[in-house]
Amino acid sequence: MKTAQILIVFLALFSVVFADVWEDTQLNTIQLLRKYGYTAEEYSVTTSDGYRLGIHRCSGGPVSPPAANKPVAFLMHGQLSSSADYVIMGPQVSLAYMLSDLGYDVWMGNSHGNRYSNTHTSLNNETKAYWDFSWHEIGSIDVPTMIDYILARTGQRNLHYIGHSMGTTVYFVMISEKPAYASKLRSVNLLAPATYMTYIVTPYVRWIAAYAYTWDLMFNMMGTYYFAPTDEMDKQAAYNDCRDGAPYQEMCAIQIFLIAGWNSQETNRTMLPVMNAHSPAGASMMNMLHYAQIVRSGIFQQYDHGVNNIYRYGQLTPPLYRFTGHTAPLHLFWSTNDWMATPADVSTLYNRLGGSSVVDLFYHVPQVEWNHMDFVWGINVRRLVYNRMVEEMRKYD
């Protein structure tokens, strides 16, 4: 083949990749699933406190079409994220596609306050009253509400729970506050479990934690109650700055590393525009402040409202979360280079739970550089994490 022909073929393939990446920055979770040939459905359920939650379902695909009585896998996202975390890296990487191909009925939750769960029966989503919640309410109200809805819809008695980052935090909140839900779980699979955060490395979180009460006061004075989701301008900027060939692409990767930990080899730079287009997906400012309080106190407890603790809890200090009640097989997946859920903090959690007498699998990812976001976006996440997780899940199908 002549040099000119080779160049034409190369440019054609290059333009297809660019077009595909641009399209994926614009599509939502449901649209992405359908684009790749998977059955996608969206449901809405209203919580007891009036928030409307969007739940996304992938009941089948080209390999395993929709069918009755499939085992259910429920996926819960991390802080500032959404169900998109489990689909944006495409059918060869992302967990939702993998589980669907293996015969699972895949459901993905969205915590109230993100782009898929941002309305209320009576409150305006620009008011302080609307955003008066942290991950405590997500764990004690949102997750149980979604689990009940999914089990009722599918006719199943229980499901597999999979959470990443904040998706692990809210699991522990749920079992502490509503231990009866342990019986509704077949297995619990926690990626980068986040409870204790004494040794967190992420500079942004440490900075917020150092001045947590100042930030709280300042946010209230400014009327800033939430992190806004990316809009069309943000998506365009993410594409312009982070796409292949852009002069600032490496800065886009570094932004992730400063949050999650440095791991260049697992970062698919071509997909950086898609990652940045879908995250942040929106969240309450109190979510971050609650984590900041955990960093400062070294205690896994409910939100500290200061002088209002008496009004909220009937006591001067926030109630502690309980670590008992885990009856489903419990699997923890952690890594050496996770700047958010550090090995020391995960070890504290493991011991607090009761060690091997409660935790059925304490899995250390066999790559030294593996970071916090590699659990959902890493190039080799299937080989290094998901295959092992599915091996355990299969025991309880």
Protein backbone atom coordinates (compact mmCIF):
# COMPACT_ATOMS: atom_id res chain seq x y z
CA MET A 1 0.00 0.00 0.00
CA LYS A 2 1.35 3.41 -0.94
CA THR A 3 2.24 5.97 1.71
CA ALA A 4 -0.62 8.26 0.65
CA GLN A 5 -3.15 5.41 0.97
CA ILE A 6 -1.83 4.47 4.41
CA LEU A 7 -2.15 8.10 5.50
CA ILE A 8 -5.74 8.27 4.25
CA VAL A 9 -6.69 5.10 6.13
CA PHE A 10 -4.97 6.39 9.28
CA LEU A 11 -6.74 9.74 9.10
CA ALA A 12 -10.09 8.02 8.52
CA LEU A 13 -9.65 5.82 11.59
CA PHE A 14 -8.43 8.81 13.60
CA SER A 15 -11.51 10.83 12.68
CA VAL A 16 -13.80 7.94 13.62
CA VAL A 17 -12.19 7.76 17.08
CA PHE A 18 -12.57 11.52 17.53
CA ALA A 19 -16.21 11.41 16.43
CA ASP A 20 -16.94 8.50 18.74
CA VAL A 21 -15.35 10.22 21.75
CA TRP A 22 -17.24 13.44 21.03
CA GLU A 23 -20.53 11.52 20.79
CA ASP A 24 -19.89 9.74 24.09
CA THR A 25 -19.37 13.09 25.84
CA GLN A 26 -22.90 14.05 24.78
CA LEU A 27 -24.81 10.83 25.50
CA ASN A 28 -26.28 9.99 28.91
CA THR A 29 -26.14 6.58 30.60
CA ILE A 30 -29.24 5.19 28.88
CA GLN A 31 -28.13 6.45 25.47
CA LEU A 32 -24.65 4.98 25.88
CA LEU A 33 -26.06 1.54 26.73
CA ARG A 34 -28.35 1.63 23.69
CA LYS A 35 -25.56 2.85 21.41
CA TYR A 36 -23.62 -0.33 22.11
CA GLY A 37 -26.61 -2.63 21.63
CA TYR A 38 -27.74 -3.15 25.22
CA THR A 39 -31.29 -2.95 26.52
CA ALA A 40 -31.61 0.15 28.70
CA GLU A 41 -34.49 1.30 30.85
CA GLU A 42 -34.93 4.26 33.19
CA TYR A 43 -37.16 4.28 36.25
CA SER A 44 -38.05 6.88 38.84
CA VAL A 45 -38.77 6.23 42.50
CA THR A 46 -39.64 8.78 45.20
CA THR A 47 -38.03 8.54 48.64
CA SER A 48 -39.83 9.03 51.94
CA ASP A 49 -38.39 12.55 52.15
CA GLY A 50 -39.62 13.52 48.68
CA TYR A 51 -36.57 13.17 46.41
CA ARG A 52 -37.11 11.60 42.99
CA LEU A 53 -34.34 9.15 42.13
CA GLY A 54 -33.40 7.99 38.64
CA ILE A 55 -32.54 4.29 38.43
CA HIS A 56 -30.93 2.84 35.30
CA ARG A 57 -31.28 -0.76 34.20
CA CYS A 58 -29.45 -2.92 31.69
CA SER A 59 -31.49 -6.12 31.50
CA GLY A 60 -29.55 -7.66 28.62
CA GLY A 61 -27.47 -7.20 25.52
CA PRO A 62 -26.07 -8.93 22.44
CA VAL A 63 -24.45 -11.75 24.43
CA SER A 64 -27.19 -12.31 27.02
CA PRO A 65 -30.62 -11.01 25.93
CA PRO A 66 -33.22 -9.97 28.53
CA ALA A 67 -34.81 -12.92 30.32
CA ALA A 68 -36.78 -13.64 33.46
CA ASN A 69 -35.17 -14.54 36.78
CA LYS A 70 -31.67 -13.33 36.08
CA PRO A 71 -29.65 -12.66 39.24
CA VAL A 72 -29.68 -8.94 40.02
CA ALA A 73 -26.55 -6.81 40.42
CA PHE A 74 -27.01 -3.33 41.89
CA LEU A 75 -24.20 -0.82 41.26
CA MET A 76 -23.77 2.33 43.37
CA HIS A 77 -21.47 5.14 42.27
CA GLY A 78 -18.96 7.30 44.12
CA GLN A 79 -18.83 10.93 45.22
CA LEU A 80 -19.60 13.51 42.49
CA SER A 81 -20.44 10.66 40.13
CA SER A 82 -23.41 8.81 38.68
CA SER A 83 -24.42 5.57 37.00
CA ALA A 84 -22.32 6.74 34.03
CA ASP A 85 -19.17 5.60 35.84
CA TYR A 86 -20.14 2.01 35.06
CA VAL A 87 -20.69 2.47 31.29
CA ILE A 88 -18.55 5.31 29.89
CA MET A 89 -15.41 3.25 29.21
CA GLY A 90 -17.29 1.09 26.73
CA PRO A 91 -18.27 -2.58 26.31
CA GLN A 92 -14.70 -3.90 26.57
CA VAL A 93 -14.00 -2.30 29.96
CA SER A 94 -16.99 -1.01 31.93
CA LEU A 95 -18.62 -3.18 34.58
CA ALA A 96 -22.27 -2.82 33.50
CA TYR A 97 -21.57 -4.41 30.10
CA MET A 98 -19.44 -7.17 31.61
CA LEU A 99 -22.09 -8.18 34.14
CA SER A 100 -24.82 -8.02 31.50
CA ASP A 101 -22.82 -10.30 29.19
CA LEU A 102 -22.40 -12.74 32.09
CA GLY A 103 -26.17 -13.01 32.55
CA TYR A 104 -26.89 -10.48 35.29
CA ASP A 105 -29.82 -8.08 35.38
CA VAL A 106 -27.83 -4.89 36.02
CA TRP A 107 -29.33 -1.94 37.91
CA MET A 108 -27.47 1.30 38.63
CA GLY A 109 -28.45 3.77 41.32
CA ASN A 110 -28.16 7.55 41.35
CA SER A 111 -27.99 9.42 44.65
CA HIS A 112 -30.26 12.39 45.03
CA GLY A 113 -28.56 15.57 43.96
CA ASN A 114 -26.82 14.22 40.86
CA ARG A 115 -27.97 14.95 37.30
CA TYR A 116 -30.27 11.93 37.16
CA SER A 117 -31.90 12.48 40.56
CA ASN A 118 -32.32 16.21 40.92
CA THR A 119 -36.00 16.91 41.55
CA HIS A 120 -38.26 16.86 44.60
CA THR A 121 -41.98 16.65 45.22
CA SER A 122 -42.06 20.10 46.84
CA LEU A 123 -38.58 21.64 47.23
CA ASN A 124 -36.83 23.77 44.62
CA ASN A 125 -33.38 22.37 43.80
CA GLU A 126 -31.79 25.81 44.13
CA THR A 127 -32.71 26.18 47.81
CA LYS A 128 -30.75 25.38 50.95
CA ALA A 129 -33.56 23.14 52.19
CA TYR A 130 -33.23 20.92 49.12
CA TRP A 131 -29.48 20.41 49.65
CA ASP A 132 -29.69 19.78 53.39
CA PHE A 133 -28.34 16.23 53.20
CA SER A 134 -25.08 14.31 53.09
CA TRP A 135 -24.20 10.73 52.31
CA HIS A 136 -25.93 9.78 55.56
CA GLU A 137 -29.33 10.31 53.92
CA ILE A 138 -28.15 8.60 50.73
CA GLY A 139 -27.23 5.49 52.74
CA SER A 140 -30.16 5.51 55.15
CA ILE A 141 -32.90 6.53 52.66
CA ASP A 142 -31.85 6.47 48.99
CA VAL A 143 -30.17 3.07 48.81
CA PRO A 144 -32.84 1.17 50.79
CA THR A 145 -35.56 2.81 48.66
CA MET A 146 -33.84 1.76 45.43
CA ILE A 147 -33.21 -1.79 46.67
CA ASP A 148 -36.88 -2.20 47.61
CA TYR A 149 -37.98 -0.91 44.21
CA ILE A 150 -35.61 -3.20 42.30
CA LEU A 151 -36.59 -6.32 44.23
CA ALA A 152 -40.28 -5.55 43.80
CA ARG A 153 -39.83 -4.92 40.08
CA THR A 154 -37.79 -8.08 39.44
CA GLY A 155 -39.54 -10.39 41.89
CA GLN A 156 -36.18 -11.36 43.38
CA ARG A 157 -35.62 -11.84 47.11
CA ASN A 158 -32.09 -10.43 47.14
CA LEU A 159 -29.38 -8.90 44.97
CA HIS A 160 -25.62 -8.45 44.66
CA TYR A 161 -24.45 -5.07 45.93
CA ILE A 162 -21.45 -3.42 44.26
CA GLY A 163 -20.25 -0.02 45.40
CA HIS A 164 -17.30 2.20 44.60
CA SER A 165 -15.95 4.90 46.95
CA MET A 166 -19.03 6.71 48.32
CA GLY A 167 -21.00 3.72 47.09
CA THR A 168 -19.19 1.76 49.81
CA THR A 169 -19.71 4.44 52.45
CA VAL A 170 -23.47 4.40 51.96
CA TYR A 171 -23.55 0.61 52.25
CA PHE A 172 -22.09 0.85 55.76
CA VAL A 173 -24.55 3.62 56.63
CA MET A 174 -27.46 1.48 55.45
CA ILE A 175 -26.46 -1.60 57.45
CA SER A 176 -25.83 0.55 60.53
CA GLU A 177 -29.15 2.38 60.35
CA LYS A 178 -31.33 -0.32 58.74
CA PRO A 179 -29.70 -3.70 59.49
CA ALA A 180 -32.71 -5.61 58.17
CA TYR A 181 -31.50 -4.83 54.65
CA ALA A 182 -28.58 -7.22 55.09
CA SER A 183 -31.03 -10.06 54.35
CA LYS A 184 -31.80 -8.50 50.94
CA LEU A 185 -28.20 -8.87 49.75
CA ARG A 186 -26.64 -11.95 48.12
CA SER A 187 -23.12 -10.59 48.28
CA VAL A 188 -21.49 -7.25 49.02
CA ASN A 189 -18.57 -6.12 46.86
CA LEU A 190 -16.89 -2.89 47.91
CA LEU A 191 -14.33 -1.25 45.62
CA ALA A 192 -12.01 1.23 47.36
CA PRO A 193 -13.98 1.16 50.64
CA ALA A 194 -14.22 4.64 52.18
CA THR A 195 -15.07 4.93 55.87
CA TYR A 196 -12.02 5.92 57.90
CA MET A 197 -9.98 8.66 56.19
CA THR A 198 -7.26 9.58 58.66
CA TYR A 199 -4.43 8.96 56.20
CA ILE A 200 -6.05 10.33 53.04
CA VAL A 201 -3.47 11.76 50.63
CA THR A 202 -5.69 13.71 48.19
CA PRO A 203 -4.63 17.35 48.64
CA TYR A 204 -8.05 18.80 47.79
CA VAL A 205 -9.79 16.83 50.54
CA ARG A 206 -7.03 17.50 53.08
CA TRP A 207 -7.29 21.21 52.31
CA ILE A 208 -11.06 21.23 52.78
CA ALA A 209 -10.71 19.15 55.95
CA ALA A 210 -8.15 21.55 57.44
CA TYR A 211 -10.62 24.40 57.18
CA ALA A 212 -13.89 22.46 57.26
CA TYR A 213 -15.81 24.80 59.54
CA THR A 214 -14.57 27.87 57.67
CA TRP A 215 -15.67 26.34 54.39
CA ASP A 216 -19.07 25.47 55.85
CA LEU A 217 -19.59 29.05 57.01
CA MET A 218 -18.36 30.50 53.74
CA PHE A 219 -20.53 28.23 51.57
CA ASN A 220 -23.61 29.20 53.57
CA MET A 221 -22.79 32.90 53.37
CA MET A 222 -22.34 32.60 49.60
CA GLY A 223 -25.46 30.51 49.14
CA THR A 224 -23.37 27.71 47.62
CA TYR A 225 -25.04 24.46 48.59
CA TYR A 226 -24.00 22.05 45.86
CA PHE A 227 -21.46 21.03 43.23
CA ALA A 228 -23.10 21.62 39.85
CA PRO A 229 -22.97 18.88 37.19
CA THR A 230 -21.09 19.47 33.97
CA ASP A 231 -23.05 21.49 31.40
CA GLU A 232 -22.68 21.78 27.63
CA MET A 233 -19.91 24.35 27.94
CA ASP A 234 -17.98 22.06 30.32
CA LYS A 235 -18.34 19.14 27.91
CA GLN A 236 -17.06 21.20 25.01
CA ALA A 237 -14.12 22.39 27.10
CA ALA A 238 -13.35 18.82 28.20
CA TYR A 239 -13.25 17.74 24.57
CA ASN A 240 -11.16 20.68 23.41
CA ASP A 241 -8.62 20.39 26.25
CA CYS A 242 -8.45 16.63 26.85
CA ARG A 243 -8.81 14.95 23.44
CA ASP A 244 -5.93 13.27 21.67
CA GLY A 245 -3.66 15.89 20.17
CA ALA A 246 -4.79 18.66 22.53
CA PRO A 247 -1.89 20.55 24.14
CA TYR A 248 -3.45 20.32 27.62
CA GLN A 249 -4.38 16.61 27.57
CA GLU A 250 -1.80 15.67 30.17
CA MET A 251 -3.19 18.30 32.54
CA CYS A 252 -6.54 16.51 32.33
CA ALA A 253 -4.86 13.28 33.43
CA ILE A 254 -2.98 15.05 36.22
CA GLN A 255 -6.26 16.43 37.61
CA ILE A 256 -7.45 12.86 38.10
CA PHE A 257 -4.12 11.74 39.58
CA LEU A 258 -4.23 14.54 42.18
CA ILE A 259 -7.52 13.12 43.43
CA ALA A 260 -7.06 9.40 42.96
CA GLY A 261 -3.31 8.72 42.99
CA TRP A 262 -0.69 8.59 40.22
CA ASN A 263 -1.12 5.77 37.71
CA SER A 264 -0.37 6.81 34.16
CA GLN A 265 -0.33 3.28 32.73
CA GLU A 266 -4.02 2.61 33.52
CA THR A 267 -5.33 5.92 32.16
CA ASN A 268 -6.90 5.74 28.72
CA ARG A 269 -6.08 9.26 27.56
CA THR A 270 -8.29 9.01 24.49
CA MET A 271 -11.27 8.69 26.87
CA LEU A 272 -10.35 11.65 29.08
CA PRO A 273 -12.95 13.93 27.40
CA VAL A 274 -15.66 11.37 28.21
CA MET A 275 -14.57 11.00 31.84
CA ASN A 276 -14.55 14.77 32.31
CA ALA A 277 -17.87 15.25 30.51
CA HIS A 278 -19.72 12.90 32.86
CA SER A 279 -18.04 13.90 36.11
CA PRO A 280 -18.78 15.81 38.24
CA ALA A 281 -22.42 14.77 38.01
CA GLY A 282 -23.58 16.99 40.88
CA ALA A 283 -23.68 16.52 44.65
CA SER A 284 -24.51 18.26 47.89
CA MET A 285 -21.75 20.37 49.42
CA MET A 286 -22.54 18.56 52.68
CA ASN A 287 -21.30 15.31 51.13
CA MET A 288 -17.77 16.69 50.88
CA LEU A 289 -18.00 18.41 54.26
CA HIS A 290 -19.12 15.16 55.89
CA TYR A 291 -16.01 13.43 54.52
CA ALA A 292 -13.91 16.39 55.71
CA GLN A 293 -15.31 15.89 59.21
CA ILE A 294 -14.32 12.21 59.09
CA VAL A 295 -10.77 13.21 58.10
CA ARG A 296 -10.56 15.65 61.02
CA SER A 297 -12.13 13.45 63.69
CA GLY A 298 -10.84 10.04 62.66
CA ILE A 299 -14.29 8.70 63.60
CA PHE A 300 -16.92 7.19 61.32
CA GLN A 301 -19.99 9.05 62.52
CA GLN A 302 -23.04 10.99 61.35
CA TYR A 303 -22.83 14.59 60.19
CA ASP A 304 -21.63 17.03 62.84
CA HIS A 305 -24.08 19.95 62.97
CA GLY A 306 -22.22 21.65 65.82
CA VAL A 307 -24.53 23.43 68.23
CA ASN A 308 -27.50 21.94 66.37
CA ASN A 309 -26.53 18.37 67.30
CA ILE A 310 -28.85 18.58 70.30
CA TYR A 311 -31.73 19.49 68.00
CA ARG A 312 -30.83 16.87 65.38
CA TYR A 313 -29.73 13.96 67.56
CA GLY A 314 -30.67 14.80 71.14
CA GLN A 315 -27.00 14.73 72.14
CA LEU A 316 -23.90 16.95 71.88
CA THR A 317 -21.96 14.76 69.45
CA PRO A 318 -23.07 12.88 66.32
CA PRO A 319 -24.03 9.21 66.74
CA LEU A 320 -21.42 6.66 65.69
CA TYR A 321 -22.15 4.20 62.91
CA ARG A 322 -22.30 0.55 63.92
CA PHE A 323 -20.16 -2.04 62.16
CA THR A 324 -22.29 -5.05 63.00
CA GLY A 325 -25.03 -6.79 61.05
CA HIS A 326 -23.14 -7.89 57.92
CA THR A 327 -24.77 -11.22 57.15
CA ALA A 328 -24.14 -11.33 53.38
CA PRO A 329 -20.71 -12.41 52.11
CA LEU A 330 -18.54 -9.29 52.33
CA HIS A 331 -15.70 -8.62 49.86
CA LEU A 332 -13.32 -5.64 50.13
CA PHE A 333 -11.12 -4.63 47.19
CA TRP A 334 -8.29 -2.20 47.90
CA SER A 335 -4.99 -1.01 46.46
CA THR A 336 -1.61 0.32 47.56
CA ASN A 337 -1.71 3.62 45.66
CA ASP A 338 -5.27 4.70 46.46
CA TRP A 339 -5.02 8.28 47.72
CA MET A 340 -8.65 8.35 48.93
CA ALA A 341 -9.07 4.93 50.55
CA THR A 342 -5.50 4.39 51.73
CA PRO A 343 -4.16 0.99 52.82
CA ALA A 344 -3.87 2.20 56.44
CA ASP A 345 -7.49 3.37 56.56
CA VAL A 346 -8.80 0.24 54.83
CA SER A 347 -6.85 -1.83 57.34
CA THR A 348 -8.55 0.08 60.17
CA LEU A 349 -11.93 -0.71 58.60
CA TYR A 350 -11.02 -4.38 58.18
CA ASN A 351 -10.05 -4.70 61.83
CA ARG A 352 -13.09 -2.71 63.00
CA LEU A 353 -15.34 -5.10 61.10
CA GLY A 354 -13.77 -8.09 62.83
CA GLY A 355 -11.19 -9.16 60.26
CA SER A 356 -11.54 -12.50 58.53
CA SER A 357 -14.39 -13.56 60.79
CA VAL A 358 -16.64 -11.06 58.95
CA VAL A 359 -14.80 -10.15 55.74
CA ASP A 360 -14.91 -13.10 53.35
CA LEU A 361 -12.43 -11.63 50.86
CA PHE A 362 -9.84 -8.93 51.52
CA TYR A 363 -8.46 -8.49 48.01
CA HIS A 364 -5.35 -6.42 47.31
CA VAL A 365 -5.14 -5.38 43.65
CA PRO A 366 -1.89 -6.85 42.28
CA GLN A 367 -0.57 -3.63 40.78
CA VAL A 368 1.40 -1.25 42.98
CA GLU A 369 0.27 1.88 41.09
CA TRP A 370 -3.48 1.08 41.07
CA ASN A 371 -5.44 4.17 42.18
CA HIS A 372 -8.90 5.15 43.41
CA MET A 373 -10.51 5.74 40.01
CA ASP A 374 -8.87 2.74 38.32
CA PHE A 375 -11.59 0.63 39.98
CA VAL A 376 -14.07 2.04 37.44
CA TRP A 377 -11.92 3.54 34.65
CA GLY A 378 -8.69 1.52 34.63
CA ILE A 379 -7.63 -0.04 31.32
CA ASN A 380 -7.05 -3.45 32.94
CA VAL A 381 -9.80 -3.32 35.54
CA ARG A 382 -11.46 -6.50 34.31
CA ARG A 383 -8.31 -8.57 34.56
CA LEU A 384 -7.10 -7.10 37.84
CA VAL A 385 -10.38 -6.61 39.74
CA TYR A 386 -13.67 -7.57 38.10
CA ASN A 387 -12.78 -11.17 37.21
CA ARG A 388 -11.98 -11.87 40.86
CA MET A 389 -15.13 -10.12 42.03
CA VAL A 390 -17.36 -12.09 39.65
CA GLU A 391 -15.70 -15.31 40.76
CA GLU A 392 -16.97 -14.60 44.28
CA MET A 393 -20.41 -13.43 43.14
CA ARG A 394 -20.94 -16.63 41.16
CA LYS A 395 -20.81 -18.64 44.37
CA TYR A 396 -24.10 -17.08 45.48
CA ASP A 397 -26.12 -16.99 42.23
